[in-house]
Structure formats: structure tokens, C-alpha cells
Amino acid sequence: MSRAIRACYTRPMARLLSTLLLFAASVSFAQEGGAVEPTPPPPAVEQEAVEPKALESTKVMLKPMPPPPTARQARSGTVGVGYLGVAGMTPLFGGLGGGLGGLGSLSAFRVSAPILGVRWWFRDSRLGLDLGLGAMVTAGSETSGALTNTPSLQLVAHAGLPIAIASTQHVIVLLAPELRAGYSTLLNDGSFALTGSLLELALRGAVELFFGFIGVPELSLEAAIRVGFMREAQGLSNFAPLGPGGNTLTNETFRFSTSLSGDAGSVIASTLSLKYYF
């Protein structure tokens, strides 16, 4: 009887003890790393609101190439040196012979003086300045008592104010008020003196072409036409007249025209000029 009672209490106790041992073993295994706990989620990050414009795609803007400078801009502040044209000087009387106290048949001949000078384009301005000086000296001898090829001197001063009215990469279109003053003299062995004076007030319209298209932008050729007013005066004095007393002769001419030169060669030479800029 006592064995049966012991058996009734001993079996349940053994089962309970084995259950406790298994539970303790499982808890110890979990603490030693046998089980992997799940990774907690990252904390939530607050995001700022993005404007709709920021989401638009970025556009690459290509700036156009700036246009090349005009000839006037390229020559700003520079000085051009060269040939400014030719001035038709005051005609001098020739063909002096006998009669009238040594003043015979009178005719006129023209001499020309090439003008060399400078053109200065003011910086950042449409205005410029032309200055030039021309000279011609001849020498010869008296033939058969006529004043042919006798020594003579011609001087002319030139001033202008060019104004650029239009310009492209290689061309300047300009207008230039001009003033020219000249003086000429001719002597015949101290017996005769011939003098002349010249005064011109003109307006010059021109096109100045620069040779940048062939790699020489400093070189220019100018073609022009001039219109204006010209005054010429001539004088002749005979210091050793054949008759009693001296003889003098004066002549004065005024002209307004589109060509202030007296012959075709002078017209062509006076309408072209060549300069090199520094």
C-alpha cells in the first residue's frame, strides 16, 4: 500500500522536474546567443517639403558667341599713318615772252602735292582727326626765255574731322569736313616771281576698307568723293621789265564743285588714300 502511494507521488514529481529542467535549459541557450532577436526598425527621419520647381530637370543654357568687333571699335584709340590724297595746287602762269614789258602770252599750268599725314580715331567715340602736309619742289632751267621748268615750291596743309556714321567688321563709312590751305611760288633767276594761294572748304564722303579678311586688319584703303568750295589766287611780278616801271598781274578764281581737282589724274589720286594703323 505504501509502495503504491509512493508511486503515485513520485511519477508526477519526476515529470514536473524534467519539465523545469528543459525550460531552464532553453532559457540558458537563448541567453548565450542561440536565438537571434529581430533588428528594430530605424527611427523615422523628418523630411522637409520640396518645392515643385526643385524637381524640374536642369537645363543647360548655351550662351551665343558675341559678334566680332566692328572696324570702328577695333580702331578705337589707334593712329593711322599714310597717304591722305593729293591736292591740286594753284595754277601758275607760264609761257612768258616779249611784249608788255616782258609779260607775253600767259597760260596756266597746275601742279599737285601729295599729302602725307595721320588719322587718329578717338577712343570710344565716332570722331577722329586728320592732319597732313604736302610738299612739291621742282628745279630746272630757263629755255628760250620762257618760264618752263623753272624752280618752284608748293606747300599744302590739310586738316579734317572724320565722323563714322556706320561700320561693319571690315568697313567704316564716314563723313569728314576738311580744310586745305596751300601756297606756291616760282622764281626765274630773280627776274620774275610767280605766287599762288589755295583755300579749300570741303565735305568728304568716304568708305574705308580694312584688310582683316586677308589677315592684315591694320591696313586700309579709302575711296572718297569731295564736294566743296575752292578759292585760287595767282600773282606775277616782273622785277626787270623791258619798259619803264614794273609789271604785275593778279588773278583770282572761285569754284564750287564735286571734284576739286583740275585733271583726271588728280581726281583719281585725290579720291584714294592708303593708311596703316598702329
C-alpha atoms as a PDB file:
ATOM      1  CA  MET A   1       0.000   0.000   0.000  1.00  0.00           C
ATOM      2  CA  SER A   2       2.778   2.312   0.852  1.00  0.00           C
ATOM      3  CA  ARG A   3       4.565   1.489  -2.419  1.00  0.00           C
ATOM      4  CA  ALA A   4       1.516   2.322  -4.429  1.00  0.00           C
ATOM      5  CA  ILE A   5       1.126   5.624  -2.646  1.00  0.00           C
ATOM      6  CA  ARG A   6       4.814   6.446  -3.279  1.00  0.00           C
ATOM      7  CA  ALA A   7       4.486   5.604  -6.915  1.00  0.00           C
ATOM      8  CA  CYS A   8       1.520   7.919  -7.219  1.00  0.00           C
ATOM      9  CA  TYR A   9       3.514  10.864  -5.827  1.00  0.00           C
ATOM     10  CA  THR A  10       6.917  10.001  -7.357  1.00  0.00           C
ATOM     11  CA  ARG A  11       5.908   9.925 -11.076  1.00  0.00           C
ATOM     12  CA  PRO A  12       4.256  13.344 -11.181  1.00  0.00           C
ATOM     13  CA  MET A  13       7.140  14.883  -9.343  1.00  0.00           C
ATOM     14  CA  ALA A  14       9.605  13.396 -11.836  1.00  0.00           C
ATOM     15  CA  ARG A  15       7.638  14.744 -14.779  1.00  0.00           C
ATOM     16  CA  LEU A  16       7.486  18.214 -13.186  1.00  0.00           C
ATOM     17  CA  LEU A  17      11.204  18.173 -12.505  1.00  0.00           C
ATOM     18  CA  SER A  18      12.064  17.177 -16.080  1.00  0.00           C
ATOM     19  CA  THR A  19       9.829  19.939 -17.407  1.00  0.00           C
ATOM     20  CA  LEU A  20      11.579  22.521 -15.215  1.00  0.00           C
ATOM     21  CA  LEU A  21      14.977  21.268 -16.354  1.00  0.00           C
ATOM     22  CA  LEU A  22      14.034  21.552 -20.017  1.00  0.00           C
ATOM     23  CA  PHE A  23      12.672  25.099 -19.506  1.00  0.00           C
ATOM     24  CA  ALA A  24      15.848  26.167 -17.681  1.00  0.00           C
ATOM     25  CA  ALA A  25      17.988  24.730 -20.488  1.00  0.00           C
ATOM     26  CA  SER A  26      16.058  26.590 -23.181  1.00  0.00           C
ATOM     27  CA  VAL A  27      16.345  29.895 -21.307  1.00  0.00           C
ATOM     28  CA  SER A  28      20.129  29.422 -20.884  1.00  0.00           C
ATOM     29  CA  PHE A  29      20.539  28.636 -24.597  1.00  0.00           C
ATOM     30  CA  ALA A  30      18.653  31.803 -25.622  1.00  0.00           C
ATOM     31  CA  GLN A  31      20.822  33.988 -23.379  1.00  0.00           C
ATOM     32  CA  GLU A  32      24.042  32.529 -24.851  1.00  0.00           C
ATOM     33  CA  GLY A  33      23.073  33.582 -28.403  1.00  0.00           C
ATOM     34  CA  GLY A  34      21.377  30.576 -29.673  1.00  0.00           C
ATOM     35  CA  ALA A  35      18.383  32.693 -30.779  1.00  0.00           C
ATOM     36  CA  VAL A  36      18.620  35.843 -32.995  1.00  0.00           C
ATOM     37  CA  GLU A  37      16.418  38.677 -31.931  1.00  0.00           C
ATOM     38  CA  PRO A  38      14.855  40.739 -34.761  1.00  0.00           C
ATOM     39  CA  THR A  39      16.548  44.090 -35.646  1.00  0.00           C
ATOM     40  CA  PRO A  40      14.456  47.044 -34.572  1.00  0.00           C
ATOM     41  CA  PRO A  41      13.417  49.428 -37.408  1.00  0.00           C
ATOM     42  CA  PRO A  42      15.454  52.698 -37.848  1.00  0.00           C
ATOM     43  CA  PRO A  43      13.999  55.815 -36.315  1.00  0.00           C
ATOM     44  CA  ALA A  44      11.830  57.885 -38.607  1.00  0.00           C
ATOM     45  CA  VAL A  45      13.606  60.906 -40.220  1.00  0.00           C
ATOM     46  CA  GLU A  46      11.585  64.003 -40.836  1.00  0.00           C
ATOM     47  CA  GLN A  47      11.924  65.266 -44.463  1.00  0.00           C
ATOM     48  CA  GLU A  48      11.430  68.850 -45.489  1.00  0.00           C
ATOM     49  CA  ALA A  49       8.896  69.630 -48.145  1.00  0.00           C
ATOM     50  CA  VAL A  50      10.483  70.041 -51.594  1.00  0.00           C
ATOM     51  CA  GLU A  51       9.093  72.725 -53.878  1.00  0.00           C
ATOM     52  CA  PRO A  52       7.921  71.579 -57.294  1.00  0.00           C
ATOM     53  CA  LYS A  53      10.491  73.801 -59.087  1.00  0.00           C
ATOM     54  CA  ALA A  54      13.348  71.857 -57.476  1.00  0.00           C
ATOM     55  CA  LEU A  55      12.082  68.672 -59.063  1.00  0.00           C
ATOM     56  CA  GLU A  56      12.295  70.060 -62.557  1.00  0.00           C
ATOM     57  CA  SER A  57      15.151  68.865 -64.753  1.00  0.00           C
ATOM     58  CA  THR A  58      18.177  71.180 -65.007  1.00  0.00           C
ATOM     59  CA  LYS A  59      18.528  72.809 -68.442  1.00  0.00           C
ATOM     60  CA  VAL A  60      21.960  73.628 -69.866  1.00  0.00           C
ATOM     61  CA  MET A  61      21.880  77.129 -71.394  1.00  0.00           C
ATOM     62  CA  LEU A  62      24.475  77.770 -74.115  1.00  0.00           C
ATOM     63  CA  LYS A  63      25.305  81.479 -74.459  1.00  0.00           C
ATOM     64  CA  PRO A  64      25.699  82.636 -78.077  1.00  0.00           C
ATOM     65  CA  MET A  65      29.125  83.815 -79.184  1.00  0.00           C
ATOM     66  CA  PRO A  66      29.469  87.610 -79.084  1.00  0.00           C
ATOM     67  CA  PRO A  67      29.664  89.244 -82.526  1.00  0.00           C
ATOM     68  CA  PRO A  68      33.129  90.312 -83.718  1.00  0.00           C
ATOM     69  CA  PRO A  69      34.035  93.966 -83.124  1.00  0.00           C
ATOM     70  CA  THR A  70      33.355  96.416 -85.898  1.00  0.00           C
ATOM     71  CA  ALA A  71      36.203  98.117 -87.710  1.00  0.00           C
ATOM     72  CA  ARG A  72      35.445 101.316 -85.801  1.00  0.00           C
ATOM     73  CA  GLN A  73      35.648  99.515 -82.443  1.00  0.00           C
ATOM     74  CA  ALA A  74      38.865  97.759 -83.466  1.00  0.00           C
ATOM     75  CA  ARG A  75      40.493 101.068 -84.467  1.00  0.00           C
ATOM     76  CA  SER A  76      39.357 102.941 -81.342  1.00  0.00           C
ATOM     77  CA  GLY A  77      42.272 104.910 -79.933  1.00  0.00           C
ATOM     78  CA  THR A  78      44.645 103.967 -82.777  1.00  0.00           C
ATOM     79  CA  VAL A  79      46.573 106.156 -85.213  1.00  0.00           C
ATOM     80  CA  GLY A  80      46.840 105.517 -88.937  1.00  0.00           C
ATOM     81  CA  VAL A  81      49.810 106.817 -90.912  1.00  0.00           C
ATOM     82  CA  GLY A  82      49.935 107.079 -94.665  1.00  0.00           C
ATOM     83  CA  TYR A  83      48.879 108.761 -97.854  1.00  0.00           C
ATOM     84  CA  LEU A  84      45.864 111.066 -97.489  1.00  0.00           C
ATOM     85  CA  GLY A  85      45.414 112.026-101.132  1.00  0.00           C
ATOM     86  CA  VAL A  86      46.743 114.722-103.420  1.00  0.00           C
ATOM     87  CA  ALA A  87      46.000 118.440-103.523  1.00  0.00           C
ATOM     88  CA  GLY A  88      45.736 120.193-106.855  1.00  0.00           C
ATOM     89  CA  MET A  89      47.758 123.323-106.241  1.00  0.00           C
ATOM     90  CA  THR A  90      47.153 126.801-107.550  1.00  0.00           C
ATOM     91  CA  PRO A  91      47.868 127.119-111.277  1.00  0.00           C
ATOM     92  CA  LEU A  92      50.990 129.122-112.119  1.00  0.00           C
ATOM     93  CA  PHE A  93      51.321 131.299-115.175  1.00  0.00           C
ATOM     94  CA  GLY A  94      53.693 130.183-117.881  1.00  0.00           C
ATOM     95  CA  GLY A  95      54.640 130.978-121.432  1.00  0.00           C
ATOM     96  CA  LEU A  96      56.107 134.392-120.650  1.00  0.00           C
ATOM     97  CA  GLY A  97      57.651 136.101-123.637  1.00  0.00           C
ATOM     98  CA  GLY A  98      58.278 139.510-125.117  1.00  0.00           C
ATOM     99  CA  GLY A  99      55.904 142.423-125.265  1.00  0.00           C
ATOM    100  CA  LEU A 100      54.022 144.111-122.479  1.00  0.00           C
ATOM    101  CA  GLY A 101      57.240 144.729-120.621  1.00  0.00           C
ATOM    102  CA  GLY A 102      58.233 141.088-120.701  1.00  0.00           C
ATOM    103  CA  LEU A 103      54.749 139.701-119.998  1.00  0.00           C
ATOM    104  CA  GLY A 104      53.852 137.854-123.131  1.00  0.00           C
ATOM    105  CA  SER A 105      51.251 135.194-123.794  1.00  0.00           C
ATOM    106  CA  LEU A 106      50.015 133.909-120.452  1.00  0.00           C
ATOM    107  CA  SER A 107      48.801 130.380-119.860  1.00  0.00           C
ATOM    108  CA  ALA A 108      48.246 128.333-116.723  1.00  0.00           C
ATOM    109  CA  PHE A 109      49.570 125.009-115.594  1.00  0.00           C
ATOM    110  CA  ARG A 110      48.702 123.039-112.450  1.00  0.00           C
ATOM    111  CA  VAL A 111      50.987 121.312-110.012  1.00  0.00           C
ATOM    112  CA  SER A 112      49.981 118.709-107.453  1.00  0.00           C
ATOM    113  CA  ALA A 113      51.308 117.981-103.984  1.00  0.00           C
ATOM    114  CA  PRO A 114      50.764 114.548-102.375  1.00  0.00           C
ATOM    115  CA  ILE A 115      49.644 114.768 -98.755  1.00  0.00           C
ATOM    116  CA  LEU A 116      51.141 112.519 -96.085  1.00  0.00           C
ATOM    117  CA  GLY A 117      49.676 112.529 -92.613  1.00  0.00           C
ATOM    118  CA  VAL A 118      47.844 110.730 -89.827  1.00  0.00           C
ATOM    119  CA  ARG A 119      44.309 109.813 -88.845  1.00  0.00           C
ATOM    120  CA  TRP A 120      43.550 109.396 -85.148  1.00  0.00           C
ATOM    121  CA  TRP A 121      40.274 107.770 -84.127  1.00  0.00           C
ATOM    122  CA  PHE A 122      39.317 108.997 -80.661  1.00  0.00           C
ATOM    123  CA  ARG A 123      38.753 106.267 -78.058  1.00  0.00           C
ATOM    124  CA  ASP A 124      35.113 105.214 -77.583  1.00  0.00           C
ATOM    125  CA  SER A 125      33.929 107.890 -79.993  1.00  0.00           C
ATOM    126  CA  ARG A 126      32.727 108.208 -83.564  1.00  0.00           C
ATOM    127  CA  LEU A 127      35.015 111.188 -84.112  1.00  0.00           C
ATOM    128  CA  GLY A 128      38.542 111.289 -85.455  1.00  0.00           C
ATOM    129  CA  LEU A 129      41.179 113.790 -86.530  1.00  0.00           C
ATOM    130  CA  ASP A 130      43.094 114.047 -89.815  1.00  0.00           C
ATOM    131  CA  LEU A 131      46.303 116.073 -90.088  1.00  0.00           C
ATOM    132  CA  GLY A 132      48.564 116.158 -93.128  1.00  0.00           C
ATOM    133  CA  LEU A 133      51.206 118.099 -95.005  1.00  0.00           C
ATOM    134  CA  GLY A 134      52.059 118.061 -98.689  1.00  0.00           C
ATOM    135  CA  ALA A 135      55.067 119.474-100.494  1.00  0.00           C
ATOM    136  CA  MET A 136      56.425 119.559-104.011  1.00  0.00           C
ATOM    137  CA  VAL A 137      59.775 121.030-105.036  1.00  0.00           C
ATOM    138  CA  THR A 138      60.888 121.245-108.673  1.00  0.00           C
ATOM    139  CA  ALA A 139      64.054 122.604-110.245  1.00  0.00           C
ATOM    140  CA  GLY A 140      65.062 123.258-113.825  1.00  0.00           C
ATOM    141  CA  SER A 141      66.380 125.862-116.193  1.00  0.00           C
ATOM    142  CA  GLU A 142      65.052 128.609-118.404  1.00  0.00           C
ATOM    143  CA  THR A 143      64.638 127.691-122.074  1.00  0.00           C
ATOM    144  CA  SER A 144      64.353 130.256-124.899  1.00  0.00           C
ATOM    145  CA  GLY A 145      63.344 132.972-122.478  1.00  0.00           C
ATOM    146  CA  ALA A 146      60.222 131.107-121.305  1.00  0.00           C
ATOM    147  CA  LEU A 147      59.455 130.189-117.712  1.00  0.00           C
ATOM    148  CA  THR A 148      59.385 126.476-118.336  1.00  0.00           C
ATOM    149  CA  ASN A 149      60.707 124.005-115.728  1.00  0.00           C
ATOM    150  CA  THR A 150      61.937 126.811-113.520  1.00  0.00           C
ATOM    151  CA  PRO A 151      62.452 126.209-109.772  1.00  0.00           C
ATOM    152  CA  SER A 152      59.181 126.101-107.843  1.00  0.00           C
ATOM    153  CA  LEU A 153      57.883 125.235-104.396  1.00  0.00           C
ATOM    154  CA  GLN A 154      54.402 124.112-103.391  1.00  0.00           C
ATOM    155  CA  LEU A 155      53.187 123.555 -99.818  1.00  0.00           C
ATOM    156  CA  VAL A 156      49.749 122.497 -98.612  1.00  0.00           C
ATOM    157  CA  ALA A 157      48.352 121.816 -95.137  1.00  0.00           C
ATOM    158  CA  HIS A 158      45.374 119.540 -94.563  1.00  0.00           C
ATOM    159  CA  ALA A 159      43.020 119.122 -91.580  1.00  0.00           C
ATOM    160  CA  GLY A 160      39.829 117.069 -91.293  1.00  0.00           C
ATOM    161  CA  LEU A 161      37.323 115.810 -88.748  1.00  0.00           C
ATOM    162  CA  PRO A 162      36.119 112.330 -89.835  1.00  0.00           C
ATOM    163  CA  ILE A 163      32.820 111.152 -88.364  1.00  0.00           C
ATOM    164  CA  ALA A 164      31.969 107.440 -88.543  1.00  0.00           C
ATOM    165  CA  ILE A 165      28.300 107.134 -89.481  1.00  0.00           C
ATOM    166  CA  ALA A 166      28.267 103.337 -89.971  1.00  0.00           C
ATOM    167  CA  SER A 167      30.636 100.425 -89.520  1.00  0.00           C
ATOM    168  CA  THR A 168      30.883  96.689 -90.133  1.00  0.00           C
ATOM    169  CA  GLN A 169      33.643  94.226 -89.340  1.00  0.00           C
ATOM    170  CA  HIS A 170      35.831  95.455 -92.224  1.00  0.00           C
ATOM    171  CA  VAL A 171      34.324  98.785 -93.345  1.00  0.00           C
ATOM    172  CA  ILE A 172      33.857 102.282 -91.940  1.00  0.00           C
ATOM    173  CA  VAL A 173      31.522 104.714 -93.717  1.00  0.00           C
ATOM    174  CA  LEU A 174      32.402 108.283 -92.803  1.00  0.00           C
ATOM    175  CA  LEU A 175      31.837 111.964 -93.479  1.00  0.00           C
ATOM    176  CA  ALA A 176      34.667 114.449 -92.937  1.00  0.00           C
ATOM    177  CA  PRO A 177      34.603 118.245 -93.053  1.00  0.00           C
ATOM    178  CA  GLU A 178      38.003 119.309 -94.422  1.00  0.00           C
ATOM    179  CA  LEU A 179      40.147 122.399 -94.708  1.00  0.00           C
ATOM    180  CA  ARG A 180      43.145 122.780 -97.020  1.00  0.00           C
ATOM    181  CA  ALA A 181      45.413 125.757 -97.429  1.00  0.00           C
ATOM    182  CA  GLY A 182      48.307 125.951 -99.887  1.00  0.00           C
ATOM    183  CA  TYR A 183      50.983 128.266-101.188  1.00  0.00           C
ATOM    184  CA  SER A 184      53.152 128.063-104.289  1.00  0.00           C
ATOM    185  CA  THR A 185      55.952 130.149-105.698  1.00  0.00           C
ATOM    186  CA  LEU A 186      58.140 130.106-108.789  1.00  0.00           C
ATOM    187  CA  LEU A 187      61.255 132.177-109.459  1.00  0.00           C
ATOM    188  CA  ASN A 188      63.062 132.816-112.738  1.00  0.00           C
ATOM    189  CA  ASP A 189      66.614 133.843-111.956  1.00  0.00           C
ATOM    190  CA  GLY A 190      65.369 136.708-109.838  1.00  0.00           C
ATOM    191  CA  SER A 191      63.633 138.391-112.792  1.00  0.00           C
ATOM    192  CA  PHE A 192      60.119 137.059-112.343  1.00  0.00           C
ATOM    193  CA  ALA A 193      58.191 135.905-109.285  1.00  0.00           C
ATOM    194  CA  LEU A 194      55.008 133.931-109.600  1.00  0.00           C
ATOM    195  CA  THR A 195      52.962 133.172-106.485  1.00  0.00           C
ATOM    196  CA  GLY A 196      49.741 131.426-105.808  1.00  0.00           C
ATOM    197  CA  SER A 197      47.491 130.557-102.890  1.00  0.00           C
ATOM    198  CA  LEU A 198      44.839 127.916-102.366  1.00  0.00           C
ATOM    199  CA  LEU A 199      41.977 127.599 -99.898  1.00  0.00           C
ATOM    200  CA  GLU A 200      39.526 124.694 -99.839  1.00  0.00           C
ATOM    201  CA  LEU A 201      36.497 124.040 -97.627  1.00  0.00           C
ATOM    202  CA  ALA A 202      35.045 120.650 -98.466  1.00  0.00           C
ATOM    203  CA  LEU A 203      32.947 117.758 -97.234  1.00  0.00           C
ATOM    204  CA  ARG A 204      34.412 114.329 -97.850  1.00  0.00           C
ATOM    205  CA  GLY A 205      32.259 111.213 -98.051  1.00  0.00           C
ATOM    206  CA  ALA A 206      34.313 108.040 -97.915  1.00  0.00           C
ATOM    207  CA  VAL A 207      34.331 104.285 -97.420  1.00  0.00           C
ATOM    208  CA  GLU A 208      37.386 102.934 -95.591  1.00  0.00           C
ATOM    209  CA  LEU A 209      38.039  99.247 -96.222  1.00  0.00           C
ATOM    210  CA  PHE A 210      40.231  97.275 -93.780  1.00  0.00           C
ATOM    211  CA  PHE A 211      42.046  94.162 -94.979  1.00  0.00           C
ATOM    212  CA  GLY A 212      41.271  91.988 -91.957  1.00  0.00           C
ATOM    213  CA  PHE A 213      39.756  89.360 -94.262  1.00  0.00           C
ATOM    214  CA  ILE A 214      43.285  88.606 -95.536  1.00  0.00           C
ATOM    215  CA  GLY A 215      44.918  88.847 -92.105  1.00  0.00           C
ATOM    216  CA  VAL A 216      46.058  92.500 -92.215  1.00  0.00           C
ATOM    217  CA  PRO A 217      43.390  94.409 -90.226  1.00  0.00           C
ATOM    218  CA  GLU A 218      45.728  97.382 -89.686  1.00  0.00           C
ATOM    219  CA  LEU A 219      45.888  98.230 -93.409  1.00  0.00           C
ATOM    220  CA  SER A 220      43.101 100.263 -95.005  1.00  0.00           C
ATOM    221  CA  LEU A 221      42.215 101.652 -98.418  1.00  0.00           C
ATOM    222  CA  GLU A 222      39.817 104.579 -98.616  1.00  0.00           C
ATOM    223  CA  ALA A 223      37.762 105.695-101.608  1.00  0.00           C
ATOM    224  CA  ALA A 224      36.068 109.078-101.373  1.00  0.00           C
ATOM    225  CA  ILE A 225      34.310 111.888-103.150  1.00  0.00           C
ATOM    226  CA  ARG A 226      34.700 115.527-102.156  1.00  0.00           C
ATOM    227  CA  VAL A 227      32.335 118.427-102.638  1.00  0.00           C
ATOM    228  CA  GLY A 228      33.036 121.981-101.601  1.00  0.00           C
ATOM    229  CA  PHE A 229      34.316 125.451-102.230  1.00  0.00           C
ATOM    230  CA  MET A 230      37.763 126.413-103.532  1.00  0.00           C
ATOM    231  CA  ARG A 231      39.489 129.760-103.934  1.00  0.00           C
ATOM    232  CA  GLU A 232      42.629 130.138-106.036  1.00  0.00           C
ATOM    233  CA  ALA A 233      44.695 133.259-106.473  1.00  0.00           C
ATOM    234  CA  GLN A 234      47.724 133.837-108.703  1.00  0.00           C
ATOM    235  CA  GLY A 235      50.148 136.703-108.895  1.00  0.00           C
ATOM    236  CA  LEU A 236      53.006 137.573-111.253  1.00  0.00           C
ATOM    237  CA  SER A 237      55.616 140.263-110.823  1.00  0.00           C
ATOM    238  CA  ASN A 238      58.304 141.388-113.278  1.00  0.00           C
ATOM    239  CA  PHE A 239      61.283 142.789-111.400  1.00  0.00           C
ATOM    240  CA  ALA A 240      63.285 143.663-114.565  1.00  0.00           C
ATOM    241  CA  PRO A 241      60.819 144.909-117.143  1.00  0.00           C
ATOM    242  CA  LEU A 242      61.979 145.875-120.610  1.00  0.00           C
ATOM    243  CA  GLY A 243      59.946 149.049-120.485  1.00  0.00           C
ATOM    244  CA  PRO A 244      59.848 151.693-117.808  1.00  0.00           C
ATOM    245  CA  GLY A 245      58.385 150.624-114.476  1.00  0.00           C
ATOM    246  CA  GLY A 246      57.417 147.187-113.274  1.00  0.00           C
ATOM    247  CA  ASN A 247      54.534 144.991-114.287  1.00  0.00           C
ATOM    248  CA  THR A 248      52.273 142.927-112.084  1.00  0.00           C
ATOM    249  CA  LEU A 249      49.377 140.655-112.818  1.00  0.00           C
ATOM    250  CA  THR A 250      46.904 139.053-110.444  1.00  0.00           C
ATOM    251  CA  ASN A 251      44.114 136.598-110.956  1.00  0.00           C
ATOM    252  CA  GLU A 252      41.552 135.124-108.570  1.00  0.00           C
ATOM    253  CA  THR A 253      39.238 132.169-109.160  1.00  0.00           C
ATOM    254  CA  PHE A 254      36.367 130.749-107.112  1.00  0.00           C
ATOM    255  CA  ARG A 255      34.877 127.337-107.742  1.00  0.00           C
ATOM    256  CA  PHE A 256      32.238 125.098-106.176  1.00  0.00           C
ATOM    257  CA  SER A 257      32.084 121.538-107.454  1.00  0.00           C
ATOM    258  CA  THR A 258      32.023 117.851-106.580  1.00  0.00           C
ATOM    259  CA  SER A 259      35.620 117.478-107.766  1.00  0.00           C
ATOM    260  CA  LEU A 260      38.158 119.980-106.506  1.00  0.00           C
ATOM    261  CA  SER A 261      40.980 118.662-108.688  1.00  0.00           C
ATOM    262  CA  GLY A 262      41.703 120.050-112.091  1.00  0.00           C
ATOM    263  CA  ASP A 263      42.573 116.955-114.104  1.00  0.00           C
ATOM    264  CA  ALA A 264      41.577 113.311-114.324  1.00  0.00           C
ATOM    265  CA  GLY A 265      44.802 112.029-112.793  1.00  0.00           C
ATOM    266  CA  SER A 266      44.444 114.316-109.792  1.00  0.00           C
ATOM    267  CA  VAL A 267      40.796 113.319-109.400  1.00  0.00           C
ATOM    268  CA  ILE A 268      41.729 109.652-109.115  1.00  0.00           C
ATOM    269  CA  ALA A 269      44.688 110.341-106.829  1.00  0.00           C
ATOM    270  CA  SER A 270      42.672 112.648-104.591  1.00  0.00           C
ATOM    271  CA  THR A 271      39.858 110.130-104.074  1.00  0.00           C
ATOM    272  CA  LEU A 272      42.078 107.249-102.907  1.00  0.00           C
ATOM    273  CA  SER A 273      44.136 107.071 -99.745  1.00  0.00           C
ATOM    274  CA  LEU A 274      46.103 104.332 -98.011  1.00  0.00           C
ATOM    275  CA  LYS A 275      46.868 104.073 -94.281  1.00  0.00           C
ATOM    276  CA  TYR A 276      48.420 101.676 -91.781  1.00  0.00           C
ATOM    277  CA  TYR A 277      47.244 101.791 -88.158  1.00  0.00           C
ATOM    278  CA  PHE A 278      49.335 101.370 -85.043  1.00  0.00           C
END
